[in-house]
Amino acid sequence: MEAEPEGRQPVNSRERVKAALDHRQPDRVPFGEWGVDHDVVEAVLGRETFWRNRRKCTLATWAGERDEMVESWKRDLADLVKALDYDLVPVMLVPGKDIQPAPIKQVDAETWESEDGHIYKYTHGNDAILCINHKATPAVSSVDEYLERLTAGAGDGFRCRSYDPGKGFELELEDPSVLELVEHVVKELGGERFVFYRGVSVFNIPHFGGGMEEFFLKIAMEPELVKECFEIYTDYETAVLQEIYGTGVDAVMPGGDYSDSNGPMISPEAVRRIFLPGMKKLTQAIRSHGLRTMMHNCGNNIPLMDLMIEAGFEAWQSIQAVLPALDMGRLKRDYGNRIALWGGINIEHLHDASPETNRKDVLYAIEQAGRGGGFILGTSNSVSYGSRYDNYMAAVDAWREGRERWS
């Protein structure tokens, strides 16, 4: 890191992010990403990586190469953070050492088939291998059915011992190796960098079943069922987080996309009635353990901003700032004293624009939102596969140029 200018007290990345979340002016604009896909990571580090390499990770899992994959995640995430001087670091649970890959055979260069008849194809758009004939489980028809599915499919190294509506879930961590990445990053970077945990959903409820279309229909036709299921899922995630609180992370960052670029996909009234109580319960549990709360939520969320703030989220990440409604200056003026804004690098421009355009995006965001804290620089979602390396480096260089503008 660069030497601090004369007369300024040294501040590390962790304290810098906390200042921004508290709407205090940090010594410089904090910078970090929710995710960086492997093509840019490899260009930065000069070597291949499993980190956010969907195709390579799928093949490694099938081949029983879990340990090699996780070691790459641990090493390359830490090295990426150091190389680009990120202030924030994402962590999540990893596959446990006891994972048993299902037998699968390769049909051709881009096709695989499992023993149970599932067909997987390579997709060039996001460099992933996806199932093309998966039949979704029907959506649940009762709270009891949802509870049965959730407890039977807990996974991620956890086993459900019991559930009491008044007391919540009692979970047992059967495979502590799922915490390998979290523990490694905290040991390597904690105390210096701001470490946040990903992996909690606040919208599309795991094990609910059905596709998104059926989920939306359930929200419209059976809102009380969805509400009760979401509250049960919130109880489950609150129990999982008991294993996270003691690891040394600084924040928990739930995710869930309530909106697309046109606005909310369900009404703000439905979000308030169905999802807000569970979100409040989750953020209160997180903050009661001294951790900060942040939200990853794509789309034009202007009609939901007051709800996100009321829910207790201290920062909003995934701001699609190319939309006029999400202009960083407008967001700072209207909401910047109540919730921190994390964005300013436009994913669309990383793919299709020039380095100069990306440079201007960053300087504009810092100019509009950097004064008085409450701002973190990062992409409007993630540095997704296909982002141009020269465009992202132009954004990083612009941050270095403008990061102390309001210090």
Protein backbone atom coordinates (compact mmCIF):
# COMPACT_ATOMS: atom_id res chain seq x y z
CA MET A 1 0.00 0.00 0.00
CA GLU A 2 1.12 3.59 -0.59
CA ALA A 3 2.49 5.65 2.30
CA GLU A 4 -0.10 7.85 3.96
CA PRO A 5 0.22 11.59 3.16
CA GLU A 6 1.88 13.66 5.84
CA GLY A 7 -0.45 14.60 8.68
CA ARG A 8 -2.98 11.83 8.00
CA GLN A 9 -3.41 8.98 10.45
CA PRO A 10 -2.75 5.57 8.87
CA VAL A 11 -5.98 3.68 8.22
CA ASN A 12 -6.13 0.07 7.06
CA SER A 13 -8.67 -1.36 4.65
CA ARG A 14 -10.91 -2.77 7.37
CA GLU A 15 -11.28 0.56 9.16
CA ARG A 16 -11.65 2.36 5.84
CA VAL A 17 -14.72 0.29 4.93
CA LYS A 18 -16.20 0.70 8.39
CA ALA A 19 -15.84 4.47 8.06
CA ALA A 20 -17.66 4.39 4.73
CA LEU A 21 -20.48 2.28 6.21
CA ASP A 22 -20.75 4.75 9.09
CA HIS A 23 -20.97 7.64 6.60
CA ARG A 24 -17.70 9.06 7.84
CA GLN A 25 -15.10 10.27 5.38
CA PRO A 26 -12.39 7.60 5.06
CA ASP A 27 -8.83 8.45 4.10
CA ARG A 28 -9.64 7.23 0.58
CA VAL A 29 -12.53 5.65 -1.32
CA PRO A 30 -12.68 1.92 -0.47
CA PHE A 31 -12.61 -0.54 -3.38
CA GLY A 32 -13.61 -4.18 -3.69
CA GLU A 33 -15.67 -6.67 -5.65
CA TRP A 34 -18.51 -9.10 -4.94
CA GLY A 35 -16.89 -11.35 -7.54
CA VAL A 36 -14.22 -11.40 -10.26
CA ASP A 37 -14.44 -14.15 -12.89
CA HIS A 38 -11.43 -16.25 -13.75
CA ASP A 39 -10.43 -14.66 -17.08
CA VAL A 40 -9.60 -11.33 -15.43
CA VAL A 41 -8.10 -13.07 -12.37
CA GLU A 42 -5.78 -15.05 -14.63
CA ALA A 43 -4.73 -11.90 -16.48
CA VAL A 44 -3.92 -10.16 -13.19
CA LEU A 45 -2.05 -13.09 -11.62
CA GLY A 46 -0.46 -14.49 -14.77
CA ARG A 47 -1.59 -18.07 -14.09
CA GLU A 48 -4.61 -20.33 -14.39
CA THR A 49 -7.09 -20.47 -11.52
CA PHE A 50 -10.16 -22.34 -10.31
CA TRP A 51 -11.48 -19.13 -8.72
CA ARG A 52 -14.90 -18.38 -10.30
CA ASN A 53 -13.98 -20.72 -13.16
CA ARG A 54 -17.32 -22.47 -13.61
CA ARG A 55 -16.32 -24.97 -16.28
CA LYS A 56 -13.06 -25.95 -14.61
CA CYS A 57 -14.69 -26.28 -11.18
CA THR A 58 -17.48 -28.51 -12.50
CA LEU A 59 -14.99 -30.83 -14.16
CA ALA A 60 -12.80 -30.88 -11.04
CA THR A 61 -15.78 -31.77 -8.85
CA TRP A 62 -16.77 -34.61 -11.16
CA ALA A 63 -13.16 -35.85 -11.18
CA GLY A 64 -12.88 -35.84 -7.38
CA GLU A 65 -10.34 -32.99 -7.38
CA ARG A 66 -12.03 -31.01 -4.62
CA ASP A 67 -8.84 -30.33 -2.64
CA GLU A 68 -6.94 -28.96 -5.64
CA MET A 69 -9.87 -26.68 -6.45
CA VAL A 70 -10.25 -25.30 -2.92
CA GLU A 71 -6.51 -24.74 -2.54
CA SER A 72 -6.59 -22.66 -5.71
CA TRP A 73 -9.51 -20.62 -4.37
CA LYS A 74 -7.65 -19.92 -1.13
CA ARG A 75 -4.36 -19.01 -2.77
CA ASP A 76 -5.68 -17.04 -5.73
CA LEU A 77 -8.32 -15.01 -3.92
CA ALA A 78 -5.73 -13.78 -1.40
CA ASP A 79 -3.22 -13.02 -4.17
CA LEU A 80 -5.83 -11.14 -6.21
CA VAL A 81 -6.77 -8.97 -3.24
CA LYS A 82 -3.13 -8.10 -2.64
CA ALA A 83 -2.38 -7.49 -6.32
CA LEU A 84 -5.21 -4.99 -6.78
CA ASP A 85 -5.18 -3.66 -3.20
CA TYR A 86 -8.86 -4.41 -2.62
CA ASP A 87 -10.25 -3.24 0.68
CA LEU A 88 -13.03 -5.87 0.78
CA VAL A 89 -12.82 -9.66 0.38
CA PRO A 90 -15.74 -12.08 -0.28
CA VAL A 91 -15.84 -15.52 1.35
CA MET A 92 -18.33 -18.38 1.26
CA LEU A 93 -18.68 -22.03 2.20
CA VAL A 94 -16.86 -24.53 -0.01
CA PRO A 95 -17.62 -28.18 -0.88
CA GLY A 96 -16.68 -30.44 2.01
CA LYS A 97 -13.89 -32.98 1.85
CA ASP A 98 -16.45 -35.76 2.08
CA ILE A 99 -18.19 -34.78 -1.15
CA GLN A 100 -18.83 -37.82 -3.34
CA PRO A 101 -18.98 -36.93 -7.04
CA ALA A 102 -21.69 -38.73 -8.99
CA PRO A 103 -20.47 -40.93 -11.86
CA ILE A 104 -20.60 -39.10 -15.19
CA LYS A 105 -19.41 -39.81 -18.70
CA GLN A 106 -18.29 -37.43 -21.43
CA VAL A 107 -20.31 -37.74 -24.64
CA ASP A 108 -18.37 -35.27 -26.77
CA ALA A 109 -16.20 -32.17 -26.36
CA GLU A 110 -19.07 -30.13 -24.91
CA THR A 111 -21.55 -32.72 -23.58
CA TRP A 112 -21.70 -34.97 -20.50
CA GLU A 113 -24.30 -37.41 -19.18
CA SER A 114 -24.90 -38.60 -15.63
CA GLU A 115 -26.08 -42.05 -14.59
CA ASP A 116 -29.56 -40.70 -13.85
CA GLY A 117 -29.92 -39.33 -17.39
CA HIS A 118 -29.13 -35.66 -16.87
CA ILE A 119 -27.44 -34.04 -19.87
CA TYR A 120 -24.88 -31.27 -19.35
CA LYS A 121 -23.69 -28.89 -22.07
CA TYR A 122 -20.92 -26.33 -22.14
CA THR A 123 -22.19 -22.77 -22.63
CA HIS A 124 -19.75 -20.31 -24.16
CA GLY A 125 -21.55 -17.19 -22.88
CA ASN A 126 -20.50 -17.60 -19.26
CA ASP A 127 -17.95 -20.43 -19.65
CA ALA A 128 -20.08 -22.87 -17.65
CA ILE A 129 -21.38 -26.42 -17.88
CA LEU A 130 -25.14 -26.50 -17.32
CA CYS A 131 -27.80 -29.18 -17.14
CA ILE A 132 -30.12 -28.83 -20.16
CA ASN A 133 -32.80 -31.38 -19.23
CA HIS A 134 -33.26 -30.79 -15.53
CA LYS A 135 -36.83 -31.19 -14.35
CA ALA A 136 -37.61 -28.83 -11.51
CA THR A 137 -39.24 -30.25 -8.39
CA PRO A 138 -42.81 -28.91 -8.13
CA ALA A 139 -43.24 -25.99 -5.77
CA VAL A 140 -44.25 -26.91 -2.24
CA SER A 141 -47.94 -26.90 -1.36
CA SER A 142 -47.67 -26.57 2.43
CA VAL A 143 -45.39 -25.28 5.16
CA ASP A 144 -44.87 -28.81 6.46
CA GLU A 145 -43.72 -29.94 3.01
CA TYR A 146 -41.25 -27.06 2.83
CA LEU A 147 -39.87 -27.82 6.28
CA GLU A 148 -39.43 -31.47 5.33
CA ARG A 149 -37.55 -30.55 2.14
CA LEU A 150 -35.35 -28.01 3.88
CA THR A 151 -34.30 -30.30 6.71
CA ALA A 152 -33.75 -33.26 4.38
CA GLY A 153 -31.63 -31.23 1.95
CA ALA A 154 -29.72 -29.04 4.40
CA GLY A 155 -26.30 -29.93 2.97
CA ASP A 156 -23.19 -27.71 2.99
CA GLY A 157 -21.74 -29.85 5.78
CA PHE A 158 -24.69 -29.27 8.13
CA ARG A 159 -27.22 -31.73 9.53
CA CYS A 160 -30.51 -30.65 11.05
CA ARG A 161 -31.03 -32.01 14.55
CA SER A 162 -34.35 -30.35 15.28
CA TYR A 163 -36.64 -27.41 14.56
CA ASP A 164 -38.87 -25.56 16.97
CA PRO A 165 -40.94 -22.63 15.60
CA GLY A 166 -40.20 -20.67 18.76
CA LYS A 167 -36.51 -21.51 19.08
CA GLY A 168 -35.46 -22.10 15.47
CA PHE A 169 -33.11 -24.77 14.13
CA GLU A 170 -30.53 -26.81 15.95
CA LEU A 171 -27.86 -27.69 13.39
CA GLU A 172 -24.75 -29.81 13.58
CA LEU A 173 -21.68 -28.96 11.49
CA GLU A 174 -20.71 -32.44 10.38
CA ASP A 175 -17.94 -31.39 7.98
CA PRO A 176 -15.88 -28.41 9.23
CA SER A 177 -13.92 -28.39 5.97
CA VAL A 178 -16.73 -26.32 4.40
CA LEU A 179 -15.25 -23.39 6.36
CA GLU A 180 -11.78 -23.75 4.80
CA LEU A 181 -11.97 -20.65 2.60
CA VAL A 182 -13.51 -18.49 5.31
CA GLU A 183 -10.89 -19.48 7.88
CA HIS A 184 -7.98 -19.15 5.45
CA VAL A 185 -8.94 -15.68 4.26
CA VAL A 186 -9.54 -14.42 7.81
CA LYS A 187 -6.15 -15.78 8.89
CA GLU A 188 -4.38 -14.38 5.83
CA LEU A 189 -6.16 -11.03 5.45
CA GLY A 190 -8.46 -10.49 8.43
CA GLY A 191 -7.78 -7.50 10.63
CA GLU A 192 -6.25 -5.71 7.65
CA ARG A 193 -8.99 -6.20 5.02
CA PHE A 194 -12.77 -6.15 5.43
CA VAL A 195 -14.01 -9.73 5.00
CA PHE A 196 -17.67 -10.34 4.14
CA TYR A 197 -19.56 -13.63 3.98
CA ARG A 198 -21.79 -14.45 1.01
CA GLY A 199 -24.26 -17.30 0.68
CA VAL A 200 -27.59 -16.18 2.18
CA SER A 201 -30.70 -15.71 0.02
CA VAL A 202 -33.38 -13.12 0.71
CA PHE A 203 -35.70 -13.88 -2.19
CA ASN A 204 -35.70 -17.16 -4.18
CA ILE A 205 -36.01 -19.63 -1.31
CA PRO A 206 -33.84 -22.78 -1.53
CA HIS A 207 -35.79 -26.07 -1.64
CA PHE A 208 -39.07 -24.25 -2.35
CA GLY A 209 -39.23 -25.98 -5.74
CA GLY A 210 -40.67 -24.92 -9.07
CA GLY A 211 -39.13 -22.45 -11.49
CA MET A 212 -39.15 -18.69 -11.14
CA GLU A 213 -42.46 -18.42 -12.98
CA GLU A 214 -44.13 -20.77 -10.49
CA PHE A 215 -42.48 -18.93 -7.61
CA PHE A 216 -43.99 -15.64 -8.81
CA LEU A 217 -47.39 -17.31 -9.11
CA LYS A 218 -47.11 -18.58 -5.53
CA ILE A 219 -46.26 -15.06 -4.37
CA ALA A 220 -49.41 -13.77 -6.06
CA MET A 221 -51.76 -16.64 -5.23
CA GLU A 222 -50.45 -17.98 -1.91
CA PRO A 223 -48.51 -15.13 -0.27
CA GLU A 224 -48.92 -16.50 3.25
CA LEU A 225 -47.35 -19.82 2.24
CA VAL A 226 -44.34 -18.05 0.73
CA LYS A 227 -44.06 -15.76 3.77
CA GLU A 228 -44.06 -18.67 6.24
CA CYS A 229 -41.55 -20.63 4.16
CA PHE A 230 -39.25 -17.62 3.91
CA GLU A 231 -39.39 -17.13 7.68
CA ILE A 232 -38.47 -20.80 8.20
CA TYR A 233 -35.58 -20.42 5.75
CA THR A 234 -34.48 -17.29 7.64
CA ASP A 235 -34.43 -19.35 10.85
CA TYR A 236 -32.28 -21.93 9.06
CA GLU A 237 -29.79 -19.36 7.75
CA THR A 238 -29.64 -17.73 11.17
CA ALA A 239 -28.59 -21.12 12.57
CA VAL A 240 -25.94 -21.61 9.85
CA LEU A 241 -24.54 -18.17 10.61
CA GLN A 242 -23.80 -19.27 14.16
CA GLU A 243 -20.80 -21.06 12.65
CA ILE A 244 -19.79 -17.91 10.74
CA TYR A 245 -19.91 -15.37 13.56
CA GLY A 246 -16.89 -16.81 15.35
CA THR A 247 -14.64 -17.02 12.30
CA GLY A 248 -13.64 -13.36 12.31
CA VAL A 249 -15.56 -12.07 9.30
CA ASP A 250 -16.69 -8.45 9.42
CA ALA A 251 -20.03 -8.62 7.61
CA VAL A 252 -22.71 -10.83 6.11
CA MET A 253 -24.00 -10.02 2.64
CA PRO A 254 -27.29 -11.69 1.69
CA GLY A 255 -28.35 -11.64 -1.95
CA GLY A 256 -31.59 -11.73 -3.87
CA ASP A 257 -32.81 -10.00 -7.02
CA TYR A 258 -36.21 -8.42 -6.49
CA SER A 259 -35.95 -6.28 -9.63
CA ASP A 260 -34.84 -6.19 -13.23
CA SER A 261 -33.70 -3.08 -15.07
CA ASN A 262 -37.31 -1.86 -15.38
CA GLY A 263 -38.10 -2.06 -11.67
CA PRO A 264 -39.41 -4.56 -9.10
CA MET A 265 -40.63 -7.90 -10.47
CA ILE A 266 -43.19 -8.04 -7.64
CA SER A 267 -44.84 -5.09 -5.96
CA PRO A 268 -43.16 -3.23 -3.10
CA GLU A 269 -46.27 -4.01 -1.07
CA ALA A 270 -45.70 -7.74 -1.59
CA VAL A 271 -42.04 -7.41 -0.63
CA ARG A 272 -43.07 -5.59 2.55
CA ARG A 273 -45.72 -8.13 3.48
CA ILE A 274 -43.90 -11.35 2.53
CA PHE A 275 -40.15 -10.78 2.79
CA LEU A 276 -39.49 -7.74 4.99
CA PRO A 277 -40.21 -9.48 8.35
CA GLY A 278 -37.68 -12.23 7.58
CA MET A 279 -35.08 -9.74 6.34
CA LYS A 280 -35.44 -7.71 9.53
CA LYS A 281 -35.03 -10.84 11.64
CA LEU A 282 -31.90 -11.79 9.70
CA THR A 283 -30.20 -8.39 9.89
CA GLN A 284 -31.02 -8.05 13.59
CA ALA A 285 -29.41 -11.44 14.28
CA ILE A 286 -26.31 -10.47 12.30
CA ARG A 287 -25.93 -7.09 14.00
CA SER A 288 -26.49 -8.60 17.44
CA HIS A 289 -23.17 -10.42 16.90
CA GLY A 290 -21.36 -7.19 16.04
CA LEU A 291 -21.24 -7.78 12.27
CA ARG A 292 -22.26 -5.38 9.53
CA THR A 293 -25.05 -6.09 7.02
CA MET A 294 -24.78 -5.52 3.26
CA MET A 295 -27.05 -6.52 0.38
CA HIS A 296 -26.38 -7.80 -3.15
CA ASN A 297 -29.52 -6.97 -5.13
CA CYS A 298 -29.58 -6.43 -8.89
CA GLY A 299 -31.91 -4.23 -10.93
CA ASN A 300 -33.71 -0.93 -10.55
CA ASN A 301 -34.57 -1.04 -6.86
CA ILE A 302 -35.58 2.60 -6.44
CA PRO A 303 -39.16 1.66 -5.40
CA LEU A 304 -37.63 -0.70 -2.79
CA MET A 305 -34.94 1.54 -1.36
CA ASP A 306 -36.88 2.52 1.75
CA LEU A 307 -37.67 -1.16 2.36
CA MET A 308 -34.01 -2.20 2.10
CA ILE A 309 -33.06 0.54 4.53
CA GLU A 310 -35.90 -0.38 6.90
CA ALA A 311 -34.79 -4.03 6.72
CA GLY A 312 -31.47 -2.97 8.26
CA PHE A 313 -29.06 -3.26 5.35
CA GLU A 314 -26.17 -0.82 5.64
CA ALA A 315 -24.92 -1.02 2.05
CA TRP A 316 -26.38 -1.83 -1.37
CA GLN A 317 -24.16 -3.54 -3.95
CA SER A 318 -25.02 -4.33 -7.59
CA ILE A 319 -26.03 -0.82 -8.65
CA GLN A 320 -26.70 -0.69 -12.41
CA ALA A 321 -25.54 2.90 -12.71
CA VAL A 322 -25.98 3.07 -16.50
CA LEU A 323 -29.73 3.38 -15.80
CA PRO A 324 -30.73 7.05 -15.38
CA ALA A 325 -32.73 6.16 -12.25
CA LEU A 326 -29.57 4.71 -10.68
CA ASP A 327 -27.21 7.56 -11.48
CA MET A 328 -24.65 7.66 -8.65
CA GLY A 329 -25.20 11.39 -8.05
CA ARG A 330 -28.95 10.94 -7.76
CA LEU A 331 -28.58 7.95 -5.43
CA LYS A 332 -26.13 9.85 -3.24
CA ARG A 333 -28.46 12.84 -3.02
CA ASP A 334 -31.61 10.84 -2.28
CA TYR A 335 -30.30 7.94 -0.16
CA GLY A 336 -26.62 8.49 0.57
CA ASN A 337 -27.12 9.55 4.17
CA ARG A 338 -29.11 6.37 4.99
CA ILE A 339 -27.40 3.54 3.12
CA ALA A 340 -23.89 3.14 1.71
CA LEU A 341 -23.64 2.78 -2.08
CA TRP A 342 -21.30 0.17 -3.56
CA GLY A 343 -20.79 0.52 -7.33
CA GLY A 344 -19.63 2.93 -10.00
CA ILE A 345 -17.95 0.55 -12.49
CA ASN A 346 -20.47 -0.44 -15.14
CA ILE A 347 -20.40 -4.09 -16.18
CA GLU A 348 -21.80 -3.19 -19.60
CA HIS A 349 -18.85 -0.88 -20.23
CA LEU A 350 -16.33 -3.46 -19.05
CA HIS A 351 -17.54 -5.70 -21.88
CA ASP A 352 -18.24 -3.32 -24.72
CA ALA A 353 -16.85 0.18 -24.17
CA SER A 354 -13.36 1.71 -24.22
CA PRO A 355 -10.81 2.06 -21.41
CA GLU A 356 -11.46 5.81 -21.45
CA THR A 357 -15.18 5.29 -20.89
CA ASN A 358 -14.47 3.05 -17.91
CA ARG A 359 -12.01 5.59 -16.55
CA LYS A 360 -14.66 8.32 -16.78
CA ASP A 361 -17.25 6.10 -15.08
CA VAL A 362 -15.00 5.69 -12.04
CA LEU A 363 -14.04 9.35 -11.74
CA TYR A 364 -17.68 10.38 -12.12
CA ALA A 365 -18.79 7.97 -9.38
CA ILE A 366 -16.10 9.19 -7.00
CA GLU A 367 -16.92 12.81 -7.77
CA GLN A 368 -20.66 12.29 -7.25
CA ALA A 369 -20.73 9.85 -4.33
CA GLY A 370 -17.36 9.99 -2.59
CA ARG A 371 -17.86 13.05 -0.43
CA GLY A 372 -18.75 12.34 3.20
CA GLY A 373 -18.29 8.58 3.15
CA GLY A 374 -21.09 6.15 2.36
CA PHE A 375 -19.47 5.03 -0.91
CA ILE A 376 -17.48 1.96 -1.99
CA LEU A 377 -16.18 1.55 -5.51
CA GLY A 378 -16.89 -1.71 -7.36
CA THR A 379 -18.68 -3.09 -10.39
CA SER A 380 -22.42 -2.91 -10.91
CA ASN A 381 -22.55 -6.66 -10.28
CA SER A 382 -19.25 -8.50 -10.73
CA VAL A 383 -16.29 -8.51 -13.08
CA SER A 384 -18.10 -11.08 -15.18
CA TYR A 385 -16.67 -13.49 -17.73
CA GLY A 386 -15.83 -11.67 -20.93
CA SER A 387 -14.93 -8.37 -19.26
CA ARG A 388 -11.99 -6.80 -21.07
CA TYR A 389 -8.84 -6.76 -19.00
CA ASP A 390 -7.73 -3.37 -20.34
CA ASN A 391 -11.11 -1.88 -19.45
CA TYR A 392 -10.95 -3.15 -15.89
CA MET A 393 -7.36 -1.99 -15.45
CA ALA A 394 -8.43 1.45 -16.69
CA ALA A 395 -11.09 1.47 -13.95
CA VAL A 396 -8.51 0.41 -11.33
CA ASP A 397 -6.08 3.11 -12.48
CA ALA A 398 -8.85 5.73 -12.31
CA TRP A 399 -9.60 4.66 -8.73
CA ARG A 400 -5.94 5.14 -7.86
CA GLU A 401 -6.11 8.58 -9.43
CA GLY A 402 -9.31 9.73 -7.76
CA ARG A 403 -9.58 7.72 -4.53
CA GLU A 404 -8.33 10.50 -2.23
CA ARG A 405 -10.32 13.27 -3.85
CA TRP A 406 -12.60 13.83 -0.85
CA SER A 407 -10.21 12.79 1.91
